[in-house]
Protein backbone atom coordinates (compact mmCIF):
# COMPACT_ATOMS: atom_id res chain seq x y z
CA UNK A 1 -65.07 6.04 74.88
CA UNK A 2 -65.18 4.50 71.08
CA UNK A 3 -68.18 4.43 69.08
CA UNK A 4 -70.08 1.30 69.37
CA UNK A 5 -70.97 0.19 65.21
CA UNK A 6 -73.43 -2.66 64.13
CA UNK A 7 -71.27 -5.74 63.07
CA UNK A 8 -72.51 -4.95 59.37
CA UNK A 9 -72.32 -1.10 59.90
CA UNK A 10 -68.45 -1.27 58.49
CA UNK A 11 -66.28 2.04 58.17
CA UNK A 12 -67.31 3.86 54.96
CA UNK A 13 -63.15 4.56 54.38
CA UNK A 14 -62.86 0.77 54.34
CA UNK A 15 -65.80 -0.02 51.82
CA UNK A 16 -64.33 1.96 49.65
CA UNK A 17 -61.08 0.73 50.03
CA UNK A 18 -62.22 -3.09 49.12
CA UNK A 19 -64.47 -1.55 46.09
CA UNK A 20 -61.20 0.15 44.96
CA UNK A 21 -58.81 -2.98 45.10
CA UNK A 22 -61.44 -4.83 43.76
CA UNK A 23 -62.18 -2.17 40.35
CA UNK A 24 -57.99 -2.00 40.33
CA UNK A 25 -57.46 -5.98 40.06
CA UNK A 26 -60.47 -6.03 37.48
CA UNK A 27 -58.82 -3.00 35.41
CA UNK A 28 -55.09 -4.33 35.65
CA UNK A 29 -56.55 -8.31 34.70
CA UNK A 30 -58.42 -6.47 31.67
CA UNK A 31 -55.57 -4.89 30.91
CA UNK A 32 -53.24 -7.95 30.71
CA UNK A 33 -56.00 -9.94 28.61
CA UNK A 34 -56.16 -7.05 26.00
CA UNK A 35 -52.48 -6.45 25.72
CA UNK A 36 -51.57 -9.83 25.19
CA UNK A 37 -54.60 -10.17 22.50
CA UNK A 38 -52.87 -7.24 21.04
CA UNK A 39 -49.81 -8.73 21.42
CA UNK A 40 -50.99 -11.49 20.11
CA UNK A 41 -52.01 -10.11 16.90
CA UNK A 42 -49.35 -8.15 16.05
CA UNK A 43 -47.15 -11.41 16.48
CA UNK A 44 -49.81 -12.70 13.75
CA UNK A 45 -49.54 -9.74 11.81
CA UNK A 46 -45.43 -9.41 11.81
CA UNK A 47 -45.66 -13.35 10.52
CA UNK A 48 -48.21 -12.43 7.65
CA UNK A 49 -46.15 -9.53 6.59
CA UNK A 50 -43.02 -11.75 7.20
CA UNK A 51 -44.10 -14.57 5.21
CA UNK A 52 -45.67 -12.66 2.07
CA UNK A 53 -42.59 -10.62 2.33
CA UNK A 54 -40.29 -14.14 1.53
CA UNK A 55 -42.82 -15.49 -0.73
CA UNK A 56 -42.48 -12.54 -3.22
CA UNK A 57 -38.88 -12.22 -3.06
CA UNK A 58 -38.53 -15.93 -3.80
CA UNK A 59 -41.46 -15.71 -6.55
CA UNK A 60 -39.00 -12.40 -7.81
CA UNK A 61 -36.21 -15.06 -7.99
CA UNK A 62 -34.24 -15.64 -10.86
CA UNK A 63 -33.45 -19.22 -9.90
CA UNK A 64 -37.21 -20.04 -8.97
CA UNK A 65 -38.54 -18.85 -12.20
CA UNK A 66 -36.10 -20.08 -14.58
CA UNK A 67 -36.80 -23.58 -12.08
CA UNK A 68 -40.11 -23.80 -12.41
CA UNK A 69 -40.15 -24.56 -15.87
CA UNK A 70 -36.96 -26.81 -16.27
CA UNK A 71 -38.20 -30.86 -16.37
CA UNK A 72 -37.09 -31.51 -12.62
CA UNK A 73 -38.15 -28.33 -10.94
CA UNK A 74 -37.44 -30.08 -7.20
CA UNK A 75 -33.62 -30.97 -7.79
CA UNK A 76 -33.32 -27.17 -8.03
CA UNK A 77 -36.12 -25.59 -5.70
CA UNK A 78 -35.55 -28.10 -2.33
CA UNK A 79 -32.34 -26.76 -1.40
CA UNK A 80 -32.88 -23.47 -2.34
CA UNK A 81 -36.23 -23.30 -0.28
CA UNK A 82 -34.61 -25.19 2.45
CA UNK A 83 -32.16 -22.83 2.68
CA UNK A 84 -34.70 -19.49 2.61
CA UNK A 85 -36.71 -21.33 5.50
CA UNK A 86 -33.45 -21.64 7.53
CA UNK A 87 -32.69 -18.10 6.97
CA UNK A 88 -35.73 -16.30 7.59
CA UNK A 89 -36.72 -18.93 10.80
CA UNK A 90 -40.26 -19.83 9.15
CA UNK A 91 -41.74 -22.89 9.06
CA UNK A 92 -41.73 -24.08 5.24
CA UNK A 93 -41.43 -22.45 2.34
CA UNK A 94 -43.59 -24.58 -0.75
CA UNK A 95 -43.11 -23.97 -4.14
CA UNK A 96 -46.16 -25.76 -6.40
CA UNK A 97 -47.34 -26.31 -9.92
CA UNK A 98 -50.87 -24.45 -10.86
CA UNK A 99 -52.35 -27.98 -9.73
CA UNK A 100 -50.83 -27.71 -6.36
CA UNK A 101 -48.65 -30.55 -6.87
CA UNK A 102 -45.64 -29.46 -4.39
CA UNK A 103 -41.70 -28.87 -5.56
CA UNK A 104 -40.27 -28.29 -2.44
CA UNK A 105 -41.39 -29.41 1.04
CA UNK A 106 -40.10 -29.22 4.83
CA UNK A 107 -41.07 -32.80 5.02
CA UNK A 108 -39.61 -34.27 1.52
CA UNK A 109 -41.86 -37.35 1.58
CA UNK A 110 -44.90 -34.59 0.39
CA UNK A 111 -42.97 -33.81 -2.27
CA UNK A 112 -45.43 -34.41 -5.33
CA UNK A 113 -48.44 -34.56 -3.10
CA UNK A 114 -50.93 -31.42 -3.27
CA UNK A 115 -50.49 -28.47 -1.19
CA UNK A 116 -53.15 -27.88 1.25
CA UNK A 117 -55.07 -25.11 1.66
CA UNK A 118 -56.80 -22.06 -0.28
CA UNK A 119 -54.94 -20.39 -3.11
CA UNK A 120 -57.35 -17.48 -3.27
CA UNK A 121 -56.30 -14.80 -6.10
CA UNK A 122 -52.60 -16.08 -6.31
CA UNK A 123 -53.47 -18.06 -9.36
CA UNK A 124 -54.97 -14.91 -11.08
CA UNK A 125 -51.64 -12.93 -10.47
CA UNK A 126 -52.37 -11.33 -6.81
CA UNK A 127 -51.05 -12.61 -3.67
CA UNK A 128 -53.16 -14.48 -1.04
CA UNK A 129 -52.73 -14.30 3.00
CA UNK A 130 -54.64 -16.83 5.38
CA UNK A 131 -54.75 -18.49 8.29
CA UNK A 132 -55.14 -21.93 7.84
CA UNK A 133 -54.27 -25.11 9.08
CA UNK A 134 -52.24 -27.43 6.83
CA UNK A 135 -49.64 -30.45 7.18
CA UNK A 136 -47.62 -28.51 9.56
CA UNK A 137 -50.59 -27.47 11.85
CA UNK A 138 -52.68 -24.56 11.89
CA UNK A 139 -50.26 -21.29 10.62
CA UNK A 140 -50.24 -18.03 8.61
CA UNK A 141 -49.43 -18.33 5.54
CA UNK A 142 -48.85 -16.09 2.19
CA UNK A 143 -49.39 -17.55 -1.71
CA UNK A 144 -47.87 -15.74 -4.22
CA UNK A 145 -47.45 -15.96 -7.87
CA UNK A 146 -44.33 -16.73 -9.69
CA UNK A 147 -44.81 -14.92 -13.42
CA UNK A 148 -42.65 -16.11 -16.13
CA UNK A 149 -43.29 -14.40 -19.59
CA UNK A 150 -46.17 -12.58 -18.82
CA UNK A 151 -48.09 -15.96 -17.34
CA UNK A 152 -48.17 -17.39 -13.77
CA UNK A 153 -46.06 -20.65 -14.13
CA UNK A 154 -46.18 -21.11 -10.61
CA UNK A 155 -46.78 -20.58 -6.65
CA UNK A 156 -44.72 -20.18 -3.66
CA UNK A 157 -46.25 -20.79 -0.06
CA UNK A 158 -44.22 -19.09 2.93
CA UNK A 159 -45.89 -19.69 6.17
CA UNK A 160 -45.14 -19.77 10.25
CA UNK A 161 -47.21 -22.12 12.46
CA UNK A 162 -49.49 -20.59 15.37
CA UNK A 163 -47.36 -22.73 17.39
CA UNK A 164 -44.39 -20.37 16.69
CA UNK A 165 -46.21 -17.71 17.35
CA UNK A 166 -47.40 -18.79 20.60
CA UNK A 167 -43.79 -18.92 21.73
CA UNK A 168 -43.15 -15.87 20.54
CA UNK A 169 -45.90 -14.52 22.44
CA UNK A 170 -44.75 -16.34 25.59
CA UNK A 171 -41.61 -14.78 25.37
CA UNK A 172 -43.21 -11.52 25.59
CA UNK A 173 -45.55 -11.98 28.43
CA UNK A 174 -42.71 -11.91 31.15
CA UNK A 175 -42.47 -8.07 29.74
CA UNK A 176 -46.40 -7.54 29.80
CA UNK A 177 -46.44 -9.28 33.19
CA UNK A 178 -43.99 -6.72 34.83
CA UNK A 179 -46.10 -3.56 33.84
CA UNK A 180 -49.23 -5.34 34.67
CA UNK A 181 -48.07 -5.74 38.27
CA UNK A 182 -46.63 -2.57 38.09
CA UNK A 183 -50.03 -1.28 37.49
CA UNK A 184 -51.38 -2.91 40.01
CA UNK A 185 -49.12 -1.59 42.91
CA UNK A 186 -49.62 1.82 42.18
CA UNK A 187 -53.53 1.31 41.97
CA UNK A 188 -52.76 -0.17 45.08
CA UNK A 189 -50.95 2.48 46.99
CA UNK A 190 -53.30 4.76 45.25
CA UNK A 191 -56.74 2.95 46.73
CA UNK A 192 -55.04 2.46 49.98
CA UNK A 193 -54.45 6.77 50.30
CA UNK A 194 -57.52 7.48 49.34
CA UNK A 195 -59.15 5.08 51.76
CA UNK A 196 -56.76 6.68 54.57
CA UNK A 197 -57.47 10.77 53.43
CA UNK A 198 -61.38 9.36 53.53
CA UNK A 199 -60.79 7.58 56.51
CA UNK A 200 -59.61 11.00 58.06
CA UNK A 201 -62.82 12.73 56.67
CA UNK A 202 -65.33 10.60 57.51
CA UNK A 203 -64.02 9.99 61.38
CA UNK A 204 -63.93 6.01 60.29
CA UNK A 205 -68.19 5.89 60.71
CA UNK A 206 -70.11 3.53 58.23
CA UNK A 207 -72.61 4.44 55.93
CA UNK A 208 -75.59 3.70 58.72
CA UNK A 209 -73.84 6.21 60.97
CA UNK A 210 -73.58 8.63 58.37
CA UNK A 211 -77.19 8.12 56.62
CA UNK A 212 -78.91 8.69 60.49
CA UNK A 213 -76.67 11.65 60.93
CA UNK A 214 -77.83 13.38 58.07
CA UNK A 215 -81.25 12.19 58.13
CA UNK A 216 -81.30 13.72 62.23
CA UNK A 217 -79.39 17.03 60.88
CA UNK A 218 -81.89 17.49 58.68
CA UNK A 219 -84.55 17.39 60.91
CA UNK A 220 -83.23 19.39 63.67
CA UNK A 221 -82.38 22.07 61.06
CA UNK A 222 -86.01 22.24 59.97
CA UNK A 223 -87.55 22.09 63.47
CA UNK A 224 -85.56 24.04 65.76
CA UNK A 225 -86.86 27.48 66.21
CA UNK A 226 -83.53 29.27 66.15
CA UNK A 227 -81.25 30.52 63.35
CA UNK A 228 -78.62 28.68 62.50
CA UNK A 229 -75.08 29.37 59.79
CA UNK A 230 -72.28 27.42 60.13
CA UNK A 231 -68.70 29.10 58.55
CA UNK A 232 -65.83 27.11 57.85
CA UNK A 233 -62.08 28.50 58.49
CA UNK A 234 -61.82 30.34 55.61
CA UNK A 235 -65.36 32.26 56.24
CA UNK A 236 -67.58 30.81 54.01
CA UNK A 237 -71.00 29.75 55.06
CA UNK A 238 -71.55 25.89 55.11
CA UNK A 239 -74.77 25.03 56.31
CA UNK A 240 -77.70 27.35 57.14
CA UNK A 241 -81.42 26.42 58.10
CA UNK A 242 -84.33 28.30 57.03
CA UNK A 243 -84.90 30.42 59.88
CA UNK A 244 -81.52 32.06 59.73
CA UNK A 245 -82.28 32.62 55.85
CA UNK A 246 -85.73 34.53 57.07
CA UNK A 247 -84.23 36.20 59.71
CA UNK A 248 -80.90 37.58 58.15
CA UNK A 249 -82.80 37.67 54.82
CA UNK A 250 -80.06 35.71 53.33
CA UNK A 251 -79.77 34.50 49.36
CA UNK A 252 -81.15 31.24 48.17
CA UNK A 253 -77.18 30.78 47.04
CA UNK A 254 -75.86 31.67 50.50
CA UNK A 255 -74.11 28.20 50.84
CA UNK A 256 -70.45 28.72 49.49
CA UNK A 257 -69.97 32.81 49.73
CA UNK A 258 -68.14 34.67 52.14
CA UNK A 259 -69.28 35.88 55.15
CA UNK A 260 -68.43 39.49 54.49
CA UNK A 261 -71.15 39.26 51.23
CA UNK A 262 -74.23 38.84 53.02
CA UNK A 263 -75.05 42.44 54.11
CA UNK A 264 -74.87 41.17 58.19
CA UNK A 265 -74.12 43.94 60.69
CA UNK A 266 -70.08 44.68 60.76
CA UNK A 267 -69.72 43.93 64.02
CA UNK A 268 -70.96 40.44 63.99
CA UNK A 269 -69.15 40.03 60.70
CA UNK A 270 -65.97 41.23 62.98
CA UNK A 271 -66.33 39.43 65.91
CA UNK A 272 -66.51 35.96 63.84
CA UNK A 273 -63.56 36.70 61.13
CA UNK A 274 -61.46 37.56 64.78
CA UNK A 275 -62.27 34.35 66.90
CA UNK A 276 -64.10 35.97 69.33
CA UNK A 277 -66.94 34.28 71.49
CA UNK A 278 -70.25 36.51 71.43
CA UNK A 279 -73.29 35.72 74.05
CA UNK A 280 -76.66 37.17 73.54
CA UNK A 281 -75.84 40.34 71.65
CA UNK A 282 -78.31 42.54 70.01
CA UNK A 283 -78.06 43.37 66.67
CA UNK A 284 -80.57 45.63 64.36
CA UNK A 285 -80.89 44.39 61.06
CA UNK A 286 -83.63 46.23 58.91
CA UNK A 287 -86.76 45.93 60.75
CA UNK A 288 -85.76 43.45 62.78
CA UNK A 289 -84.11 43.43 66.40
CA UNK A 290 -81.96 39.98 66.67
CA UNK A 291 -80.32 37.71 69.24
CA UNK A 292 -77.10 36.41 68.24
CA UNK A 293 -74.49 34.35 69.65
CA UNK A 294 -71.69 33.24 67.80
CA UNK A 295 -68.34 30.69 69.03
CA UNK A 296 -65.37 29.49 67.22
CA UNK A 297 -66.45 25.67 66.23
CA UNK A 298 -63.60 23.06 67.03
CA UNK A 299 -62.89 19.45 65.97
CA UNK A 300 -60.61 16.63 67.26
CA UNK A 301 -58.47 19.78 68.85
CA UNK A 302 -58.48 21.80 65.55
CA UNK A 303 -60.82 24.96 64.69
CA UNK A 304 -62.86 24.37 61.84
CA UNK A 305 -65.48 27.48 61.61
CA UNK A 306 -67.32 29.16 63.71
CA UNK A 307 -71.27 28.83 64.77
CA UNK A 308 -74.00 31.58 64.69
CA UNK A 309 -77.11 30.70 66.69
CA UNK A 310 -79.82 33.94 65.78
CA UNK A 311 -83.12 34.56 67.40
CA UNK A 312 -85.71 37.04 66.86
CA UNK A 313 -86.68 39.72 69.66
CA UNK A 314 -88.39 42.12 67.52
CA UNK A 315 -91.38 41.77 69.08
CA UNK A 316 -89.88 41.34 72.64
CA UNK A 317 -87.81 44.69 71.84
CA UNK A 318 -91.25 46.28 71.35
CA UNK A 319 -92.40 45.71 74.65
CA UNK A 320 -89.38 46.54 75.85
CA UNK A 321 -89.49 49.36 74.87
CA UNK A 322 -92.89 50.34 76.72
CA UNK A 323 -91.59 49.00 79.54
CA UNK A 324 -88.92 51.88 79.24
CA UNK A 325 -90.98 54.40 78.60
CA UNK A 326 -92.70 53.66 81.63
CA UNK A 327 -89.50 53.11 83.72
CA UNK A 328 -88.51 56.29 82.09
CA UNK A 329 -91.67 58.02 83.59
CA UNK A 330 -91.43 56.13 86.78
CA UNK A 331 -87.65 57.86 86.68
CA UNK A 332 -89.24 61.42 85.96
CA UNK A 333 -92.13 60.86 88.64
CA UNK A 334 -89.24 59.75 91.01
CA UNK A 335 -87.10 62.63 90.36
CA UNK A 336 -90.10 65.26 90.23
CA UNK A 337 -90.96 63.53 93.91
CA UNK A 338 -87.63 64.45 94.97
CA UNK A 339 -87.76 67.73 93.82
CA UNK A 340 -91.38 68.35 95.35
CA UNK A 341 -90.33 66.81 99.10
CA UNK A 342 -87.59 69.12 99.21
CA UNK A 343 -89.31 72.16 97.93
CA UNK A 344 -92.11 70.96 100.75
CA UNK A 345 -89.30 70.63 103.74
CA UNK A 346 -88.26 73.96 102.46
CA UNK A 347 -91.76 75.89 102.95
CA UNK A 348 -92.19 73.76 106.26
CA UNK A 349 -89.18 75.07 107.60
CA UNK A 350 -90.25 78.57 107.07
CA UNK A 351 -93.75 78.17 108.01
CA UNK A 352 -92.30 76.63 111.52
CA UNK A 353 -89.66 79.86 111.72
CA UNK A 354 -92.98 82.08 111.30
CA UNK A 355 -91.83 83.71 107.97
CA UNK A 356 -95.33 82.51 106.95
CA UNK A 357 -95.50 85.18 104.29
CA UNK A 358 -92.02 83.89 102.83
CA UNK A 359 -93.39 80.46 102.82
CA UNK A 360 -96.42 81.25 100.75
CA UNK A 361 -94.43 83.33 98.33
CA UNK A 362 -91.86 81.05 97.81
CA UNK A 363 -94.24 78.03 96.98
CA UNK A 364 -96.39 80.42 94.63
CA UNK A 365 -93.36 80.76 92.99
CA UNK A 366 -92.21 77.24 92.10
CA UNK A 367 -96.00 76.47 91.62
CA UNK A 368 -95.89 78.97 88.63
CA UNK A 369 -92.47 77.95 87.61
CA UNK A 370 -93.72 74.03 87.22
CA UNK A 371 -96.84 75.11 85.65
CA UNK A 372 -95.38 77.17 83.26
CA UNK A 373 -93.03 74.48 82.16
CA UNK A 374 -95.62 71.95 81.75
CA UNK A 375 -97.91 74.43 79.88
CA UNK A 376 -94.64 75.32 77.74
CA UNK A 377 -94.59 71.24 76.57
CA UNK A 378 -97.76 70.71 76.56
CA UNK A 379 -98.28 73.63 74.27
CA UNK A 380 -95.40 72.83 71.87
CA UNK A 381 -95.98 69.57 71.78
CA UNK A 382 -100.12 68.15 71.69
CA UNK A 383 -98.88 64.04 71.58
CA UNK A 384 -99.66 63.23 75.45
CA UNK A 385 -97.00 60.90 75.49
CA UNK A 386 -94.23 62.23 73.63
CA UNK A 387 -95.44 65.23 76.22
CA UNK A 388 -94.80 63.13 78.87
CA UNK A 389 -91.46 61.90 77.77
CA UNK A 390 -90.37 65.04 77.45
CA UNK A 391 -91.86 66.75 80.80
CA UNK A 392 -90.11 63.44 82.57
CA UNK A 393 -86.51 64.08 80.83
CA UNK A 394 -86.75 67.88 81.92
CA UNK A 395 -86.86 66.75 85.09
CA UNK A 396 -84.27 64.35 84.86
CA UNK A 397 -81.94 66.79 83.10
CA UNK A 398 -82.58 69.36 86.00
CA UNK A 399 -81.32 66.84 88.40
CA UNK A 400 -78.14 65.78 86.54
CA UNK A 401 -77.66 69.43 86.10
CA UNK A 402 -78.27 69.41 82.32
CA UNK A 403 -80.10 72.41 80.32
CA UNK A 404 -82.33 71.34 78.52
CA UNK A 405 -84.41 73.73 75.67
CA UNK A 406 -87.35 72.33 73.77
CA UNK A 407 -88.07 74.12 70.55
CA UNK A 408 -90.94 74.10 67.81
CA UNK A 409 -93.78 71.98 67.92
CA UNK A 410 -95.88 68.75 67.40
CA UNK A 411 -99.19 68.74 66.82
CA UNK A 412 -101.62 65.65 68.28
CA UNK A 413 -101.84 63.62 64.60
CA UNK A 414 -98.96 63.76 63.05
CA UNK A 415 -98.84 60.43 61.10
CA UNK A 416 -96.82 58.43 63.47
CA UNK A 417 -97.62 56.01 66.19
CA UNK A 418 -96.20 57.33 69.61
CA UNK A 419 -94.20 54.60 70.59
CA UNK A 420 -91.79 55.51 67.69
CA UNK A 421 -91.90 58.92 68.40
CA UNK A 422 -91.12 57.95 72.06
CA UNK A 423 -88.33 55.49 70.47
CA UNK A 424 -86.92 58.13 68.25
CA UNK A 425 -87.19 60.98 70.64
CA UNK A 426 -85.72 59.20 73.74
CA UNK A 427 -83.29 57.45 72.48
CA UNK A 428 -81.56 60.72 70.91
CA UNK A 429 -82.05 63.03 74.65
CA UNK A 430 -80.50 60.09 76.30
CA UNK A 431 -77.56 59.79 74.00
CA UNK A 432 -77.64 63.57 74.15
CA UNK A 433 -77.28 63.33 77.67
CA UNK A 434 -74.45 60.79 78.21
CA UNK A 435 -72.45 63.23 75.12
CA UNK A 436 -72.41 66.17 77.85
CA UNK A 437 -71.96 64.59 81.23
CA UNK A 438 -68.38 65.25 81.18
CA UNK A 439 -68.52 68.73 79.25
CA UNK A 440 -68.74 72.01 80.55
CA UNK A 441 -71.55 73.84 79.80
CA UNK A 442 -73.90 71.00 79.27
CA UNK A 443 -76.62 71.59 77.40
CA UNK A 444 -78.96 69.92 74.99
CA UNK A 445 -81.55 71.56 72.19
CA UNK A 446 -84.44 69.15 71.19
CA UNK A 447 -86.24 70.99 67.99
CA UNK A 448 -89.38 69.35 66.29
CA UNK A 449 -91.21 70.08 63.46
CA UNK A 450 -94.32 67.86 62.47
CA UNK A 451 -95.17 69.92 59.03
CA UNK A 452 -95.73 69.23 55.42
CA UNK A 453 -96.24 65.66 55.79
CA UNK A 454 -93.00 64.54 58.11
CA UNK A 455 -91.78 64.57 61.14
CA UNK A 456 -88.75 66.01 61.74
CA UNK A 457 -86.71 65.73 64.71
CA UNK A 458 -83.18 67.26 65.56
CA UNK A 459 -81.15 66.99 68.98
CA UNK A 460 -77.78 69.05 69.48
CA UNK A 461 -75.48 69.03 72.23
CA UNK A 462 -72.36 70.29 73.62
CA UNK A 463 -70.70 67.43 73.70
CA UNK A 464 -67.17 66.47 72.11
CA UNK A 465 -68.82 65.73 68.83
CA UNK A 466 -68.69 62.91 66.22
CA UNK A 467 -65.51 62.62 64.37
CA UNK A 468 -66.47 62.65 60.32
CA UNK A 469 -64.67 59.54 59.89
CA UNK A 470 -67.49 57.78 62.35
CA UNK A 471 -70.26 59.50 60.78
CA UNK A 472 -70.99 56.02 58.80
CA UNK A 473 -70.67 53.93 61.90
CA UNK A 474 -72.80 55.82 64.41
CA UNK A 475 -75.57 53.99 63.62
CA UNK A 476 -74.13 50.52 63.55
CA UNK A 477 -74.98 48.11 66.66
CA UNK A 478 -72.52 48.10 69.47
CA UNK A 479 -71.08 51.06 68.05
CA UNK A 480 -69.64 53.72 70.91
CA UNK A 481 -66.89 56.30 71.50
CA UNK A 482 -66.83 54.43 74.94
CA UNK A 483 -66.28 51.00 74.01
CA UNK A 484 -68.58 49.42 76.48
CA UNK A 485 -69.79 46.23 75.50
CA UNK A 486 -73.99 47.05 74.94
CA UNK A 487 -73.96 50.24 73.94
CA UNK A 488 -75.28 52.03 70.78
CA UNK A 489 -78.27 49.66 70.57
CA UNK A 490 -80.66 53.26 71.27
CA UNK A 491 -78.89 54.81 67.88
CA UNK A 492 -79.54 51.36 65.50
CA UNK A 493 -83.34 51.36 67.08
CA UNK A 494 -83.48 55.44 66.24
CA UNK A 495 -81.90 54.22 62.64
CA UNK A 496 -84.58 51.39 62.08
CA UNK A 497 -87.48 53.16 62.78
CA UNK A 498 -86.63 56.44 60.33
CA UNK A 499 -86.32 53.61 57.58
CA UNK A 500 -89.14 52.04 58.23
CA UNK A 501 -90.98 55.69 57.48
CA UNK A 502 -88.59 56.08 54.50
CA UNK A 503 -86.86 58.08 56.16
CA UNK A 504 -83.05 58.65 57.51
CA UNK A 505 -80.98 60.16 59.79
CA UNK A 506 -78.19 62.77 59.75
CA UNK A 507 -75.00 63.16 62.15
CA UNK A 508 -73.13 66.92 61.51
CA UNK A 509 -71.86 69.51 63.88
CA UNK A 510 -74.34 71.10 66.23
CA UNK A 511 -74.43 74.95 67.14
CA UNK A 512 -73.76 74.03 70.39
CA UNK A 513 -70.48 73.03 69.34
CA UNK A 514 -71.18 68.58 70.08
CA UNK A 515 -73.38 66.24 67.58
CA UNK A 516 -76.68 67.19 66.09
CA UNK A 517 -78.46 63.95 64.94
CA UNK A 518 -81.36 64.90 62.71
CA UNK A 519 -84.07 62.42 61.69
CA UNK A 520 -86.97 62.72 59.29
CA UNK A 521 -90.01 60.89 58.96
CA UNK A 522 -92.61 60.36 55.83
CA UNK A 523 -95.63 59.95 57.53
CA UNK A 524 -97.20 58.60 54.38
CA UNK A 525 -95.10 55.91 54.69
CA UNK A 526 -96.64 52.75 56.80
CA UNK A 527 -93.98 50.48 58.11
CA UNK A 528 -94.23 46.83 57.27
CA UNK A 529 -94.68 44.37 60.00
CA UNK A 530 -91.78 42.36 61.02
CA UNK A 531 -91.62 39.50 59.66
């Protein structure tokens, strides 16, 4: 459907074309006038130079010097002057006495009359050039003294009328006109090419449409609660709003910089570079958990870059973590309930079979084992929330056939919020459980240490381990040896908590044969709240 446009809102390309045509016309006309003026000045200068040269030659001629001191100068000088005038293509050659009386003139009737015009410095022995309207009309003339025996005896004036000069100029105008037409043609062609390119760049929109689009785009960019970032086909940032700057911690000079230089999660950068479409993927960046979607952008069937939208999920992730804790405890209770039901059925069956003593012994033994395990965990970990988590994980391990050992211990007040301890320990244990799923034997060891102003959590497993070349990437969101979409967020959250507390995560080889993750938290460092 064609775009509706106001009658006064013509395309910008058309307006620019009109302006360019007008500018080219003005420039060509101005250049033509300047060229004509310059050509006329050149012709005038040439005429003055030619008149001066001819006059000086005549003044130095022995014929002229001898004639001006004779009794009848005109009889000798008139034919000689007319011959020189014809040969030099000038309009008049006048030889005169010092009192301006003419000895020669193109019109013989004017011989003997006074010369009209200024003599300047010629009577004093210096040549003089001027533009003056004489008997033949306006002309460019030169007056030169004739020196005989060291004194000025007469004067010679040679000149060319302005009519002849203008006729010479008219002869040069066709050449100037051809050059002007060529310049005009080149200018028009350039203006048309620029207009055509501008029409493609502006998609045929008028200035009001572009203005409205810019105003709306500015309003939308600053009003939306989501971060928005656009990159061009060369992976350089071309547009970013305030929310994207805040969430992605982008510098002020981000526009125009390559996406790879902004410190974004490698998985996200790789997805954009590969023109992949991602929807609501979760990434950990600094202290924030972000939901990022990316997709290629197209215009007119051609790819022009990519669009990224960013939403803050930090608070939601906190609530989700607490919900996961409750869900884990519920799952642990379910597993324990299942085991208790099995044991209760065994006791009931022994009673029904009349083996009361064996039923009592079995129940007492199971109770002692369960109590011993609870006492062991609670004795080692005095933080109740973390103790409950470990009891639940113990039940899960027993249900999945995994040997889970807990060593060391933590006091009741270690300086780290229970929620963050649960995030670290829970995610490391879950990662270890996944790692030993296909291993034999299946064993996981947890070692806790809360001394000397720090908390140390070490989780090792008997799984396949982590290759040295993957150790640097293991804490990236989305990294997983199973390459399953959505995996890897738990370890990224562990790394986030460690960084908030001034610590870090080390990955090496466990004595059980698999991977060992060691997290150190500084209890003196208080994490800043998420922005």
